[in-house]
Amino acid sequence: MRRLRIALWCLGLVVAVTALSLSAGRLWAKDPAEENEVLTDDEMAVRTEGAHHFLLPKDWPVERRDGHLSPFTVEAYLSMKFGQVKRKFSETDQHLKALEQRVVELEQEQNSLLKWMRLMEARQQTAQQDKEATHGDATQVPEAESPQAPSAP
């Protein structure tokens, strides 16, 4: 009885492992181009190089080393990715510096316009005062002619 349970358990285990390996083999052999899937740079893709199948990110290079076809080492791939990030940061930094320079230029232009507006307001006030001085009190309304509000009882 015990041998029968062990044999059935081993048989079940073999069937399960076989089923898993067959399904994994089908997944491994899938070609994303056949499925019309759109993969991003971060997604994995099965790449076929001759008789070799590699499950790698799309941008992971494959090279021939010592007569064998193999993917780049993790260190080389990470170095490549960090180099890409470094370039992107430097481009962003240059863009930010250009934007900061533009903000400084706009602030200077705004300050010069404000100075010009203040100068024009001062000239307008001076011209108004000169006009009032030359016309005297003729521009003012005499108090006797101004309407008065009725007083409350």
Protein backbone atom coordinates (compact mmCIF):
# COMPACT_ATOMS: atom_id res chain seq x y z
CA MET A 1 0.00 0.00 0.00
CA ARG A 2 2.78 2.39 0.91
CA ARG A 3 4.66 1.55 -2.30
CA LEU A 4 1.52 2.20 -4.32
CA ARG A 5 1.10 5.67 -2.76
CA ILE A 6 4.75 6.49 -3.42
CA ALA A 7 4.47 5.27 -7.02
CA LEU A 8 1.29 7.32 -7.60
CA TRP A 9 2.89 10.35 -6.00
CA CYS A 10 6.00 10.02 -8.22
CA LEU A 11 3.82 9.49 -11.29
CA GLY A 12 1.81 12.62 -10.44
CA LEU A 13 5.01 14.55 -9.93
CA VAL A 14 6.37 13.43 -13.30
CA VAL A 15 3.12 14.37 -15.03
CA ALA A 16 3.10 17.80 -13.36
CA VAL A 17 6.75 18.48 -14.23
CA THR A 18 6.18 17.34 -17.82
CA ALA A 19 3.11 19.55 -18.18
CA LEU A 20 4.96 22.53 -16.74
CA SER A 21 7.98 22.00 -18.96
CA LEU A 22 5.80 21.70 -22.07
CA SER A 23 3.90 24.86 -21.23
CA ALA A 24 7.12 26.66 -20.38
CA GLY A 25 8.61 25.45 -23.68
CA ARG A 26 5.64 26.89 -25.56
CA LEU A 27 6.01 30.17 -23.71
CA TRP A 28 9.73 30.20 -24.38
CA ALA A 29 9.27 29.60 -28.08
CA LYS A 30 6.62 32.29 -28.56
CA ASP A 31 7.62 35.01 -30.94
CA PRO A 32 6.20 38.44 -29.96
CA ALA A 33 6.06 39.42 -33.63
CA GLU A 34 3.68 36.53 -34.33
CA GLU A 35 1.34 37.64 -31.56
CA ASN A 36 1.37 41.27 -32.75
CA GLU A 37 2.17 42.42 -29.23
CA VAL A 38 3.51 45.89 -28.63
CA LEU A 39 6.38 45.68 -26.17
CA THR A 40 7.90 48.58 -24.32
CA ASP A 41 11.63 48.86 -23.67
CA ASP A 42 11.18 47.36 -20.21
CA GLU A 43 9.35 44.25 -21.38
CA MET A 44 11.02 40.99 -22.14
CA ALA A 45 11.23 39.58 -25.63
CA VAL A 46 12.33 36.25 -27.02
CA ARG A 47 15.20 36.87 -29.40
CA THR A 48 16.39 34.20 -31.79
CA GLU A 49 20.02 34.25 -32.81
CA GLY A 50 20.61 31.22 -34.99
CA ALA A 51 19.59 28.18 -32.95
CA HIS A 52 19.72 30.16 -29.70
CA HIS A 53 16.68 31.63 -27.96
CA PHE A 54 17.25 34.44 -25.45
CA LEU A 55 14.61 35.86 -23.14
CA LEU A 56 16.00 39.37 -22.71
CA PRO A 57 14.86 42.98 -22.63
CA LYS A 58 14.55 44.32 -26.16
CA ASP A 59 17.60 46.56 -25.86
CA TRP A 60 19.92 43.94 -24.32
CA PRO A 61 22.64 43.25 -26.91
CA VAL A 62 23.86 39.76 -27.81
CA GLU A 63 27.51 39.21 -28.69
CA ARG A 64 29.82 36.43 -29.76
CA ARG A 65 32.46 35.71 -27.13
CA ASP A 66 35.03 32.95 -27.40
CA GLY A 67 33.08 31.39 -30.26
CA HIS A 68 29.85 31.29 -28.26
CA LEU A 69 26.82 33.46 -28.74
CA SER A 70 25.73 35.01 -25.44
CA PRO A 71 24.07 38.13 -24.07
CA PHE A 72 26.12 41.05 -22.79
CA THR A 73 27.16 40.69 -19.20
CA VAL A 74 24.97 42.32 -16.60
CA GLU A 75 27.76 44.78 -15.82
CA ALA A 76 28.09 45.81 -19.48
CA TYR A 77 24.32 46.14 -19.87
CA LEU A 78 23.95 48.20 -16.69
CA SER A 79 26.88 50.36 -17.74
CA MET A 80 25.15 50.98 -21.07
CA LYS A 81 21.85 51.82 -19.32
CA PHE A 82 23.54 54.16 -16.81
CA GLY A 83 25.30 55.87 -19.71
CA GLN A 84 21.90 56.46 -21.35
CA VAL A 85 20.52 57.87 -18.10
CA LYS A 86 23.60 60.09 -17.69
CA ARG A 87 23.12 61.48 -21.22
CA LYS A 88 19.43 62.12 -20.55
CA PHE A 89 20.26 63.94 -17.31
CA SER A 90 22.87 66.10 -19.05
CA GLU A 91 20.38 66.96 -21.82
CA THR A 92 17.77 67.84 -19.20
CA ASP A 93 20.32 69.89 -17.27
CA GLN A 94 21.22 71.86 -20.42
CA HIS A 95 17.54 72.43 -21.15
CA LEU A 96 16.95 73.67 -17.58
CA LYS A 97 19.94 76.03 -17.81
CA ALA A 98 18.55 77.45 -21.07
CA LEU A 99 15.15 77.93 -19.41
CA GLU A 100 16.72 79.60 -16.38
CA GLN A 101 18.64 81.96 -18.68
CA ARG A 102 15.41 82.79 -20.51
CA VAL A 103 13.69 83.54 -17.19
CA VAL A 104 16.54 85.90 -16.23
CA GLU A 105 16.25 87.66 -19.60
CA LEU A 106 12.48 88.00 -19.20
CA GLU A 107 12.88 89.38 -15.67
CA GLN A 108 15.39 91.95 -16.95
CA GLU A 109 13.02 92.89 -19.75
CA GLN A 110 10.16 93.21 -17.26
CA ASN A 111 12.27 95.44 -15.00
CA SER A 112 13.21 97.70 -17.90
CA LEU A 113 9.54 97.93 -18.93
CA LEU A 114 8.54 98.78 -15.35
CA LYS A 115 11.20 101.49 -15.22
CA TRP A 116 9.94 102.88 -18.53
CA MET A 117 6.33 102.82 -17.24
CA ARG A 118 7.34 104.65 -14.04
CA LEU A 119 9.22 107.24 -16.11
CA MET A 120 6.18 107.73 -18.35
CA GLU A 121 3.88 108.04 -15.31
CA ALA A 122 6.23 110.59 -13.76
CA ARG A 123 6.28 112.58 -17.02
CA GLN A 124 2.49 112.40 -17.22
CA GLN A 125 2.14 113.63 -13.63
CA THR A 126 4.63 116.44 -14.31
CA ALA A 127 2.73 117.42 -17.45
CA GLN A 128 -0.57 117.34 -15.49
CA GLN A 129 0.92 119.51 -12.75
CA ASP A 130 2.30 121.95 -15.33
CA LYS A 131 -1.10 122.10 -17.00
CA GLU A 132 -2.82 122.78 -13.67
CA ALA A 133 -0.23 125.45 -12.80
CA THR A 134 -0.72 127.30 -16.09
CA HIS A 135 -4.52 127.23 -15.87
CA GLY A 136 -4.59 128.19 -12.22
CA ASP A 137 -7.76 127.55 -10.24
CA ALA A 138 -9.93 127.47 -13.38
CA THR A 139 -9.80 123.70 -13.39
CA GLN A 140 -11.22 123.47 -9.88
CA VAL A 141 -14.95 123.63 -9.23
CA PRO A 142 -15.89 126.40 -6.80
CA GLU A 143 -17.44 125.19 -3.57
CA ALA A 144 -20.58 127.28 -3.98
CA GLU A 145 -21.48 125.61 -7.26
CA SER A 146 -20.80 122.06 -6.08
CA PRO A 147 -23.94 120.11 -5.15
CA GLN A 148 -24.35 119.34 -1.48
CA ALA A 149 -26.02 116.36 0.03
CA PRO A 150 -29.18 117.14 2.04
CA SER A 151 -28.60 117.02 5.76
CA ALA A 152 -30.39 114.48 7.87
CA PRO A 153 -33.10 115.79 10.28
